[in-house]
Amino acid sequence: MIKKKVRLLNYLSHLFSGMVAAYVVRRWFSTRRCRDFSAKLDNLKKNSQSLSISLSTSGMPIYQWRGKGSSRILCVHGWSGWGGQFADFARIAQKQGCTVFAYDGPGHGRNQRNSSDLIQLRDALLNIVETEQRFDAIVCHSYGLVVVLAAMAAGMRVDRIVSIAAPYRLYPYVEYYFRSVGYSERVQQLFKARVEQQFGKGWWTEHSPDQRVSQVQVPSLLIHDQLDRIVPSGDARLLHQYWVGSQLHVTKGLGHFRILADDDTNKVILRFIKG
C-alpha cells in the first residue's frame, strides 16, 4: 500500500506539483509517539521518585525530578522523543543531589499536537530556559542538539553541553529518507523548494550542526554508540573534530535509544557535568 501511494505521488508530481509538495512536507514534519506511550507514561509516574509533572504557561508538559542539591540540569529530547526518556538519567542524577528538568516539545510526548519543526522546538527551549532562569548543563539527545544549537544562535547561554547520538549534518538524512521510501528526485526537489519557501533558503545548511559547533565555546561532551543504526558513530567523530575543546565518549552495544538508560553512561555524564 505504501509503495503504491509513493508511485502515485511520483506520477502526480508532474501534474499537481504544489499539492504533492504540500503533502510530502506535511508528512515530513509529522511526529510519532510509540504505540505504548500511555503505558510508558504510567510507568514513569509509578517508578520515578520526587517527580512532578506540570504545564508551562504555553501548555507545554514539564517533568521535574527534584534532588537535594543546587545543581540543575535540563534535558532536551530528539525528534519524536519525549521528556520521560531521561528518567534513568534523572534517577542517577538525583542520587548526586541534582534536580533534572525535561519537557515535551511541540508535537511530542504529552503535547497534543502531531507535527512540529525546528523553529517551534527552538522557541519551546528558549521559553523553558527563560522561565526556569538557570541551568548548570544541558543534556540533549539526537536532533535535540540541533535544537540546542539553534537556541544558542538565538541568544541562549549554556554552561556545559552533553550531546548524545547527534547528527553531524542534516540534509543527508533527508536524502536517505527519500531514497528509502522511494520518492523520485522530482518529489525531493519539490519538497526542498517548499521547505525553503517556508523557512528560508539555505535552511538545511544554516541549522546543521557542522555549521555551528566550531562556534561553541563551552565545555562539551559527545557520546555515541558504535552500533547506532540511526545516526552513525562517525558523525560523533566529525563533531568532535570540529567542536573545539569537546570530549568524546564511545559506547558499544547500546544503539540509538538504549544508551539513554545505561547507568554507566549516565554516570559518565554526571562526572562531566560536575567538572
C-alpha atoms as a PDB file:
ATOM      1  CA  MET A   1       0.000   0.000   0.000  1.00  0.00           C
ATOM      2  CA  ILE A   2       2.790   2.448   0.894  1.00  0.00           C
ATOM      3  CA  LYS A   3       4.724   1.660  -2.283  1.00  0.00           C
ATOM      4  CA  LYS A   4       1.599   2.210  -4.389  1.00  0.00           C
ATOM      5  CA  LYS A   5       0.999   5.582  -2.723  1.00  0.00           C
ATOM      6  CA  VAL A   6       4.610   6.631  -3.329  1.00  0.00           C
ATOM      7  CA  ARG A   7       4.412   5.632  -7.008  1.00  0.00           C
ATOM      8  CA  LEU A   8       1.180   7.606  -7.327  1.00  0.00           C
ATOM      9  CA  LEU A   9       2.764  10.675  -5.753  1.00  0.00           C
ATOM     10  CA  ASN A  10       5.780  10.370  -8.052  1.00  0.00           C
ATOM     11  CA  TYR A  11       3.403  10.384 -11.018  1.00  0.00           C
ATOM     12  CA  LEU A  12       1.209  13.201  -9.711  1.00  0.00           C
ATOM     13  CA  SER A  13       4.242  15.400  -9.045  1.00  0.00           C
ATOM     14  CA  HIS A  14       4.321  16.173 -12.787  1.00  0.00           C
ATOM     15  CA  LEU A  15       0.657  17.216 -12.799  1.00  0.00           C
ATOM     16  CA  PHE A  16      -0.028  18.697  -9.358  1.00  0.00           C
ATOM     17  CA  SER A  17       3.363  19.766  -8.053  1.00  0.00           C
ATOM     18  CA  GLY A  18       2.002  22.135  -5.384  1.00  0.00           C
ATOM     19  CA  MET A  19      -0.370  19.543  -3.933  1.00  0.00           C
ATOM     20  CA  VAL A  20       2.318  16.851  -3.823  1.00  0.00           C
ATOM     21  CA  ALA A  21       4.866  19.215  -2.261  1.00  0.00           C
ATOM     22  CA  ALA A  22       2.396  20.244   0.462  1.00  0.00           C
ATOM     23  CA  TYR A  23       1.571  16.608   1.249  1.00  0.00           C
ATOM     24  CA  VAL A  24       5.199  15.469   1.480  1.00  0.00           C
ATOM     25  CA  VAL A  25       6.165  18.462   3.648  1.00  0.00           C
ATOM     26  CA  ARG A  26       3.250  17.748   5.970  1.00  0.00           C
ATOM     27  CA  ARG A  27       4.335  14.121   6.250  1.00  0.00           C
ATOM     28  CA  TRP A  28       7.961  15.105   6.925  1.00  0.00           C
ATOM     29  CA  PHE A  29       7.064  17.396   9.822  1.00  0.00           C
ATOM     30  CA  SER A  30       4.648  14.880  11.371  1.00  0.00           C
ATOM     31  CA  THR A  31       5.793  13.461  14.708  1.00  0.00           C
ATOM     32  CA  ARG A  32       5.169   9.994  16.076  1.00  0.00           C
ATOM     33  CA  ARG A  33       4.681   8.523  19.520  1.00  0.00           C
ATOM     34  CA  CYS A  34       5.456   4.935  20.441  1.00  0.00           C
ATOM     35  CA  ARG A  35       2.400   2.689  20.417  1.00  0.00           C
ATOM     36  CA  ASP A  36       2.588   2.026  24.151  1.00  0.00           C
ATOM     37  CA  PHE A  37       3.156   5.676  25.089  1.00  0.00           C
ATOM     38  CA  SER A  38       0.350   5.678  27.693  1.00  0.00           C
ATOM     39  CA  ALA A  39       1.885   2.651  29.389  1.00  0.00           C
ATOM     40  CA  LYS A  40       5.320   4.295  29.389  1.00  0.00           C
ATOM     41  CA  LEU A  41       3.859   7.432  30.950  1.00  0.00           C
ATOM     42  CA  ASP A  42       2.098   5.405  33.660  1.00  0.00           C
ATOM     43  CA  ASN A  43       5.308   3.501  34.351  1.00  0.00           C
ATOM     44  CA  LEU A  44       7.232   6.765  34.576  1.00  0.00           C
ATOM     45  CA  LYS A  45       4.861   8.159  37.193  1.00  0.00           C
ATOM     46  CA  LYS A  46       4.913   4.913  39.166  1.00  0.00           C
ATOM     47  CA  ASN A  47       8.677   4.406  39.301  1.00  0.00           C
ATOM     48  CA  SER A  48      10.086   7.941  39.496  1.00  0.00           C
ATOM     49  CA  GLN A  49      10.928   9.444  42.875  1.00  0.00           C
ATOM     50  CA  SER A  50      10.201  13.112  43.550  1.00  0.00           C
ATOM     51  CA  LEU A  51       8.765  13.555  40.041  1.00  0.00           C
ATOM     52  CA  SER A  52       6.371  16.400  39.371  1.00  0.00           C
ATOM     53  CA  ILE A  53       4.670  16.991  36.024  1.00  0.00           C
ATOM     54  CA  SER A  54       3.289  20.418  35.305  1.00  0.00           C
ATOM     55  CA  LEU A  55       2.340  22.611  32.359  1.00  0.00           C
ATOM     56  CA  SER A  56       4.138  25.754  31.289  1.00  0.00           C
ATOM     57  CA  THR A  57       2.247  28.960  30.565  1.00  0.00           C
ATOM     58  CA  SER A  58       2.091  27.843  26.937  1.00  0.00           C
ATOM     59  CA  GLY A  59       0.727  24.411  27.892  1.00  0.00           C
ATOM     60  CA  MET A  60       3.991  22.524  27.461  1.00  0.00           C
ATOM     61  CA  PRO A  61       4.427  19.450  29.725  1.00  0.00           C
ATOM     62  CA  ILE A  62       7.406  19.837  32.063  1.00  0.00           C
ATOM     63  CA  TYR A  63       8.955  16.981  34.077  1.00  0.00           C
ATOM     64  CA  GLN A  64      10.969  17.750  37.189  1.00  0.00           C
ATOM     65  CA  TRP A  65      12.899  15.211  39.261  1.00  0.00           C
ATOM     66  CA  ARG A  66      13.893  17.157  42.367  1.00  0.00           C
ATOM     67  CA  GLY A  67      17.254  16.493  44.035  1.00  0.00           C
ATOM     68  CA  LYS A  68      18.524  17.778  47.360  1.00  0.00           C
ATOM     69  CA  GLY A  69      21.426  19.817  45.975  1.00  0.00           C
ATOM     70  CA  SER A  70      21.639  23.025  43.976  1.00  0.00           C
ATOM     71  CA  SER A  71      22.694  21.587  40.595  1.00  0.00           C
ATOM     72  CA  ARG A  72      20.069  21.944  37.856  1.00  0.00           C
ATOM     73  CA  ILE A  73      20.184  20.039  34.561  1.00  0.00           C
ATOM     74  CA  LEU A  74      17.886  20.429  31.551  1.00  0.00           C
ATOM     75  CA  CYS A  75      17.296  17.526  29.146  1.00  0.00           C
ATOM     76  CA  VAL A  76      16.245  18.083  25.525  1.00  0.00           C
ATOM     77  CA  HIS A  77      14.719  15.184  23.584  1.00  0.00           C
ATOM     78  CA  GLY A  78      15.156  14.457  19.885  1.00  0.00           C
ATOM     79  CA  TRP A  79      12.656  14.170  17.039  1.00  0.00           C
ATOM     80  CA  SER A  80       9.616  12.088  18.083  1.00  0.00           C
ATOM     81  CA  GLY A  81      11.141  11.741  21.565  1.00  0.00           C
ATOM     82  CA  TRP A  82       9.774  12.936  24.901  1.00  0.00           C
ATOM     83  CA  GLY A  83      10.917  14.084  28.319  1.00  0.00           C
ATOM     84  CA  GLY A  84      10.353  10.725  30.010  1.00  0.00           C
ATOM     85  CA  GLN A  85      13.252   9.210  28.067  1.00  0.00           C
ATOM     86  CA  PHE A  86      15.597  10.823  30.597  1.00  0.00           C
ATOM     87  CA  ALA A  87      14.068   9.115  33.654  1.00  0.00           C
ATOM     88  CA  ASP A  88      17.030   6.759  34.137  1.00  0.00           C
ATOM     89  CA  PHE A  89      19.472   9.654  33.936  1.00  0.00           C
ATOM     90  CA  ALA A  90      17.336  11.588  36.431  1.00  0.00           C
ATOM     91  CA  ARG A  91      17.395   8.648  38.862  1.00  0.00           C
ATOM     92  CA  ILE A  92      21.200   8.613  38.852  1.00  0.00           C
ATOM     93  CA  ALA A  93      21.425  12.407  38.994  1.00  0.00           C
ATOM     94  CA  GLN A  94      19.062  12.657  41.974  1.00  0.00           C
ATOM     95  CA  LYS A  95      21.366  10.428  43.994  1.00  0.00           C
ATOM     96  CA  GLN A  96      24.068  13.043  43.482  1.00  0.00           C
ATOM     97  CA  GLY A  97      21.804  15.890  44.535  1.00  0.00           C
ATOM     98  CA  CYS A  98      20.893  17.186  41.066  1.00  0.00           C
ATOM     99  CA  THR A  99      17.464  18.394  40.011  1.00  0.00           C
ATOM    100  CA  VAL A 100      16.649  17.311  36.460  1.00  0.00           C
ATOM    101  CA  PHE A 101      14.177  19.009  34.145  1.00  0.00           C
ATOM    102  CA  ALA A 102      12.790  17.696  30.864  1.00  0.00           C
ATOM    103  CA  TYR A 103       9.850  18.641  28.695  1.00  0.00           C
ATOM    104  CA  ASP A 104       7.717  17.565  25.754  1.00  0.00           C
ATOM    105  CA  GLY A 105       8.305  19.951  22.875  1.00  0.00           C
ATOM    106  CA  PRO A 106       5.540  20.913  20.425  1.00  0.00           C
ATOM    107  CA  GLY A 107       4.144  17.799  18.759  1.00  0.00           C
ATOM    108  CA  HIS A 108       5.892  15.408  21.163  1.00  0.00           C
ATOM    109  CA  GLY A 109       5.005  13.265  24.177  1.00  0.00           C
ATOM    110  CA  ARG A 110       2.028  14.571  26.137  1.00  0.00           C
ATOM    111  CA  ASN A 111       1.878  17.630  23.917  1.00  0.00           C
ATOM    112  CA  GLN A 112      -1.359  17.413  21.952  1.00  0.00           C
ATOM    113  CA  ARG A 113      -0.058  18.368  18.518  1.00  0.00           C
ATOM    114  CA  ASN A 114       1.072  15.830  15.913  1.00  0.00           C
ATOM    115  CA  SER A 115       3.585  17.925  13.999  1.00  0.00           C
ATOM    116  CA  SER A 116       6.490  20.225  14.741  1.00  0.00           C
ATOM    117  CA  ASP A 117       9.509  21.966  13.263  1.00  0.00           C
ATOM    118  CA  LEU A 118      12.862  23.320  14.402  1.00  0.00           C
ATOM    119  CA  ILE A 119      11.581  26.857  14.996  1.00  0.00           C
ATOM    120  CA  GLN A 120       8.799  25.640  17.306  1.00  0.00           C
ATOM    121  CA  LEU A 121      11.203  23.363  19.173  1.00  0.00           C
ATOM    122  CA  ARG A 122      13.791  26.142  19.486  1.00  0.00           C
ATOM    123  CA  ASP A 123      11.251  28.595  20.850  1.00  0.00           C
ATOM    124  CA  ALA A 124       9.979  25.985  23.320  1.00  0.00           C
ATOM    125  CA  LEU A 125      13.517  25.507  24.650  1.00  0.00           C
ATOM    126  CA  LEU A 126      14.031  29.267  24.925  1.00  0.00           C
ATOM    127  CA  ASN A 127      10.759  29.512  26.844  1.00  0.00           C
ATOM    128  CA  ILE A 128      11.845  26.821  29.325  1.00  0.00           C
ATOM    129  CA  VAL A 129      15.212  28.499  29.923  1.00  0.00           C
ATOM    130  CA  GLU A 130      13.601  31.907  30.337  1.00  0.00           C
ATOM    131  CA  THR A 131      11.037  30.524  32.795  1.00  0.00           C
ATOM    132  CA  GLU A 132      13.421  28.459  34.931  1.00  0.00           C
ATOM    133  CA  GLN A 133      16.257  31.013  34.746  1.00  0.00           C
ATOM    134  CA  ARG A 134      19.322  28.863  35.470  1.00  0.00           C
ATOM    135  CA  PHE A 135      20.733  25.502  34.443  1.00  0.00           C
ATOM    136  CA  ASP A 136      24.213  24.168  35.093  1.00  0.00           C
ATOM    137  CA  ALA A 137      24.150  21.985  31.989  1.00  0.00           C
ATOM    138  CA  ILE A 138      22.024  20.830  29.076  1.00  0.00           C
ATOM    139  CA  VAL A 139      21.854  17.174  28.053  1.00  0.00           C
ATOM    140  CA  CYS A 140      20.419  16.597  24.581  1.00  0.00           C
ATOM    141  CA  HIS A 141      19.668  13.508  22.514  1.00  0.00           C
ATOM    142  CA  SER A 142      19.957  13.175  18.732  1.00  0.00           C
ATOM    143  CA  TYR A 143      18.061  16.011  16.972  1.00  0.00           C
ATOM    144  CA  GLY A 144      17.995  17.738  20.356  1.00  0.00           C
ATOM    145  CA  LEU A 145      21.498  19.047  19.591  1.00  0.00           C
ATOM    146  CA  VAL A 146      20.125  20.829  16.508  1.00  0.00           C
ATOM    147  CA  VAL A 147      17.511  22.461  18.762  1.00  0.00           C
ATOM    148  CA  VAL A 148      20.109  23.479  21.363  1.00  0.00           C
ATOM    149  CA  LEU A 149      22.428  24.994  18.765  1.00  0.00           C
ATOM    150  CA  ALA A 150      19.519  26.918  17.208  1.00  0.00           C
ATOM    151  CA  ALA A 151      18.590  28.288  20.643  1.00  0.00           C
ATOM    152  CA  MET A 152      22.206  29.283  21.303  1.00  0.00           C
ATOM    153  CA  ALA A 153      22.275  31.117  17.963  1.00  0.00           C
ATOM    154  CA  ALA A 154      19.177  32.978  19.188  1.00  0.00           C
ATOM    155  CA  GLY A 155      20.975  34.080  22.359  1.00  0.00           C
ATOM    156  CA  MET A 156      20.585  31.226  24.871  1.00  0.00           C
ATOM    157  CA  ARG A 157      23.559  30.884  27.229  1.00  0.00           C
ATOM    158  CA  VAL A 158      24.794  27.427  28.236  1.00  0.00           C
ATOM    159  CA  ASP A 159      27.474  26.459  30.784  1.00  0.00           C
ATOM    160  CA  ARG A 160      28.003  22.843  29.677  1.00  0.00           C
ATOM    161  CA  ILE A 161      26.584  20.640  26.916  1.00  0.00           C
ATOM    162  CA  VAL A 162      26.267  16.871  26.751  1.00  0.00           C
ATOM    163  CA  SER A 163      25.252  15.664  23.285  1.00  0.00           C
ATOM    164  CA  ILE A 164      24.131  12.054  22.821  1.00  0.00           C
ATOM    165  CA  ALA A 165      23.848  10.362  19.400  1.00  0.00           C
ATOM    166  CA  ALA A 166      23.656  13.618  17.438  1.00  0.00           C
ATOM    167  CA  PRO A 167      23.995  14.033  13.658  1.00  0.00           C
ATOM    168  CA  TYR A 168      26.853  15.965  12.064  1.00  0.00           C
ATOM    169  CA  ARG A 169      24.845  17.168   9.053  1.00  0.00           C
ATOM    170  CA  LEU A 170      21.103  17.414   8.409  1.00  0.00           C
ATOM    171  CA  TYR A 171      20.450  17.049   4.690  1.00  0.00           C
ATOM    172  CA  PRO A 172      21.963  13.549   4.216  1.00  0.00           C
ATOM    173  CA  TYR A 173      19.178  12.235   6.465  1.00  0.00           C
ATOM    174  CA  VAL A 174      16.592  13.899   4.243  1.00  0.00           C
ATOM    175  CA  GLU A 175      18.120  12.236   1.194  1.00  0.00           C
ATOM    176  CA  TYR A 176      18.263   8.880   2.968  1.00  0.00           C
ATOM    177  CA  TYR A 177      14.585   9.150   3.890  1.00  0.00           C
ATOM    178  CA  PHE A 178      13.548   9.891   0.315  1.00  0.00           C
ATOM    179  CA  ARG A 179      15.610   7.040  -1.085  1.00  0.00           C
ATOM    180  CA  SER A 180      14.342   4.547   1.484  1.00  0.00           C
ATOM    181  CA  VAL A 181      10.700   5.487   0.872  1.00  0.00           C
ATOM    182  CA  GLY A 182      11.122   5.551  -2.912  1.00  0.00           C
ATOM    183  CA  TYR A 183      10.241   9.153  -3.717  1.00  0.00           C
ATOM    184  CA  SER A 184      11.508  10.408  -7.071  1.00  0.00           C
ATOM    185  CA  GLU A 185      14.145  13.082  -7.498  1.00  0.00           C
ATOM    186  CA  ARG A 186      11.413  15.488  -8.622  1.00  0.00           C
ATOM    187  CA  VAL A 187       9.426  14.970  -5.416  1.00  0.00           C
ATOM    188  CA  GLN A 188      12.572  15.561  -3.382  1.00  0.00           C
ATOM    189  CA  GLN A 189      13.246  18.833  -5.213  1.00  0.00           C
ATOM    190  CA  LEU A 190       9.632  19.956  -4.759  1.00  0.00           C
ATOM    191  CA  PHE A 191       9.916  19.167  -1.061  1.00  0.00           C
ATOM    192  CA  LYS A 192      13.187  21.060  -0.680  1.00  0.00           C
ATOM    193  CA  ALA A 193      11.824  24.102  -2.513  1.00  0.00           C
ATOM    194  CA  ARG A 194       8.666  24.182  -0.389  1.00  0.00           C
ATOM    195  CA  VAL A 195      10.633  23.971   2.872  1.00  0.00           C
ATOM    196  CA  GLU A 196      12.987  26.750   1.774  1.00  0.00           C
ATOM    197  CA  GLN A 197       9.996  28.839   0.715  1.00  0.00           C
ATOM    198  CA  GLN A 198       8.540  28.420   4.207  1.00  0.00           C
ATOM    199  CA  PHE A 199      11.701  28.737   6.310  1.00  0.00           C
ATOM    200  CA  GLY A 200      14.223  30.475   4.078  1.00  0.00           C
ATOM    201  CA  LYS A 201      16.847  29.487   1.517  1.00  0.00           C
ATOM    202  CA  GLY A 202      19.815  27.642   2.921  1.00  0.00           C
ATOM    203  CA  TRP A 203      17.689  26.161   5.719  1.00  0.00           C
ATOM    204  CA  TRP A 204      19.436  22.780   5.601  1.00  0.00           C
ATOM    205  CA  THR A 205      22.954  24.171   5.934  1.00  0.00           C
ATOM    206  CA  GLU A 206      22.281  27.134   8.225  1.00  0.00           C
ATOM    207  CA  HIS A 207      20.914  24.973  11.040  1.00  0.00           C
ATOM    208  CA  SER A 208      23.170  21.970  10.502  1.00  0.00           C
ATOM    209  CA  PRO A 209      25.487  21.139  13.436  1.00  0.00           C
ATOM    210  CA  ASP A 210      28.555  21.100  11.171  1.00  0.00           C
ATOM    211  CA  GLN A 211      27.984  24.818  10.550  1.00  0.00           C
ATOM    212  CA  ARG A 212      27.658  25.739  14.229  1.00  0.00           C
ATOM    213  CA  VAL A 213      29.761  23.560  16.516  1.00  0.00           C
ATOM    214  CA  SER A 214      33.005  25.365  15.712  1.00  0.00           C
ATOM    215  CA  GLN A 215      31.481  28.456  17.339  1.00  0.00           C
ATOM    216  CA  VAL A 216      30.557  26.716  20.601  1.00  0.00           C
ATOM    217  CA  GLN A 217      32.848  27.948  23.350  1.00  0.00           C
ATOM    218  CA  VAL A 218      31.621  25.935  26.368  1.00  0.00           C
ATOM    219  CA  PRO A 219      32.812  22.583  27.770  1.00  0.00           C
ATOM    220  CA  SER A 220      31.100  19.808  25.812  1.00  0.00           C
ATOM    221  CA  LEU A 221      30.866  16.020  25.956  1.00  0.00           C
ATOM    222  CA  LEU A 222      29.885  13.967  22.901  1.00  0.00           C
ATOM    223  CA  ILE A 223      28.527  10.468  23.487  1.00  0.00           C
ATOM    224  CA  HIS A 224      27.744   7.963  20.735  1.00  0.00           C
ATOM    225  CA  ASP A 225      27.366   4.211  20.370  1.00  0.00           C
ATOM    226  CA  GLN A 226      29.375   2.280  17.803  1.00  0.00           C
ATOM    227  CA  LEU A 227      26.288   0.273  16.784  1.00  0.00           C
ATOM    228  CA  ASP A 228      23.897   3.217  16.400  1.00  0.00           C
ATOM    229  CA  ARG A 229      21.803   2.339  13.324  1.00  0.00           C
ATOM    230  CA  ILE A 230      20.038   5.694  13.096  1.00  0.00           C
ATOM    231  CA  VAL A 231      22.957   8.128  13.352  1.00  0.00           C
ATOM    232  CA  PRO A 232      26.331   6.521  12.511  1.00  0.00           C
ATOM    233  CA  SER A 233      29.043   6.862  15.131  1.00  0.00           C
ATOM    234  CA  GLY A 234      31.224   8.540  12.515  1.00  0.00           C
ATOM    235  CA  ASP A 235      29.060  11.646  12.966  1.00  0.00           C
ATOM    236  CA  ALA A 236      30.277  11.950  16.559  1.00  0.00           C
ATOM    237  CA  ARG A 237      33.895  11.750  15.452  1.00  0.00           C
ATOM    238  CA  LEU A 238      33.301  14.514  12.907  1.00  0.00           C
ATOM    239  CA  LEU A 239      31.584  16.658  15.523  1.00  0.00           C
ATOM    240  CA  HIS A 240      34.482  16.051  17.901  1.00  0.00           C
ATOM    241  CA  GLN A 241      36.984  17.011  15.208  1.00  0.00           C
ATOM    242  CA  TYR A 242      35.451  20.438  14.630  1.00  0.00           C
ATOM    243  CA  TRP A 243      33.997  21.107  18.095  1.00  0.00           C
ATOM    244  CA  VAL A 244      36.907  22.826  19.832  1.00  0.00           C
ATOM    245  CA  GLY A 245      37.559  21.519  23.343  1.00  0.00           C
ATOM    246  CA  SER A 246      34.943  18.774  23.150  1.00  0.00           C
ATOM    247  CA  GLN A 247      35.375  15.354  24.740  1.00  0.00           C
ATOM    248  CA  LEU A 248      34.300  12.124  23.028  1.00  0.00           C
ATOM    249  CA  HIS A 249      32.948   9.032  24.790  1.00  0.00           C
ATOM    250  CA  VAL A 250      32.100   5.995  22.638  1.00  0.00           C
ATOM    251  CA  THR A 251      29.987   3.076  23.855  1.00  0.00           C
ATOM    252  CA  LYS A 252      29.253  -0.281  22.227  1.00  0.00           C
ATOM    253  CA  GLY A 253      26.048  -2.301  22.072  1.00  0.00           C
ATOM    254  CA  LEU A 254      23.581   0.353  23.268  1.00  0.00           C
ATOM    255  CA  GLY A 255      22.280   1.692  19.965  1.00  0.00           C
ATOM    256  CA  HIS A 256      20.474   4.986  19.489  1.00  0.00           C
ATOM    257  CA  PHE A 257      17.920   4.817  22.315  1.00  0.00           C
ATOM    258  CA  ARG A 258      19.056   2.323  24.966  1.00  0.00           C
ATOM    259  CA  ILE A 259      22.092   4.499  25.558  1.00  0.00           C
ATOM    260  CA  LEU A 260      19.797   6.882  27.476  1.00  0.00           C
ATOM    261  CA  ALA A 261      19.017   4.164  30.024  1.00  0.00           C
ATOM    262  CA  ASP A 262      22.572   2.936  30.575  1.00  0.00           C
ATOM    263  CA  ASP A 263      23.746   3.607  34.142  1.00  0.00           C
ATOM    264  CA  ASP A 264      27.451   3.634  33.277  1.00  0.00           C
ATOM    265  CA  THR A 265      26.892   6.195  30.521  1.00  0.00           C
ATOM    266  CA  ASN A 266      24.760   8.346  32.788  1.00  0.00           C
ATOM    267  CA  LYS A 267      27.494   8.294  35.427  1.00  0.00           C
ATOM    268  CA  VAL A 268      29.982   9.495  32.801  1.00  0.00           C
ATOM    269  CA  ILE A 269      27.614  12.363  32.005  1.00  0.00           C
ATOM    270  CA  LEU A 270      27.338  13.384  35.657  1.00  0.00           C
ATOM    271  CA  ARG A 271      31.096  13.285  36.196  1.00  0.00           C
ATOM    272  CA  PHE A 272      31.500  15.627  33.265  1.00  0.00           C
ATOM    273  CA  ILE A 273      28.759  17.989  34.441  1.00  0.00           C
ATOM    274  CA  LYS A 274      30.253  18.185  37.930  1.00  0.00           C
ATOM    275  CA  GLY A 275      33.595  19.097  36.397  1.00  0.00           C
END
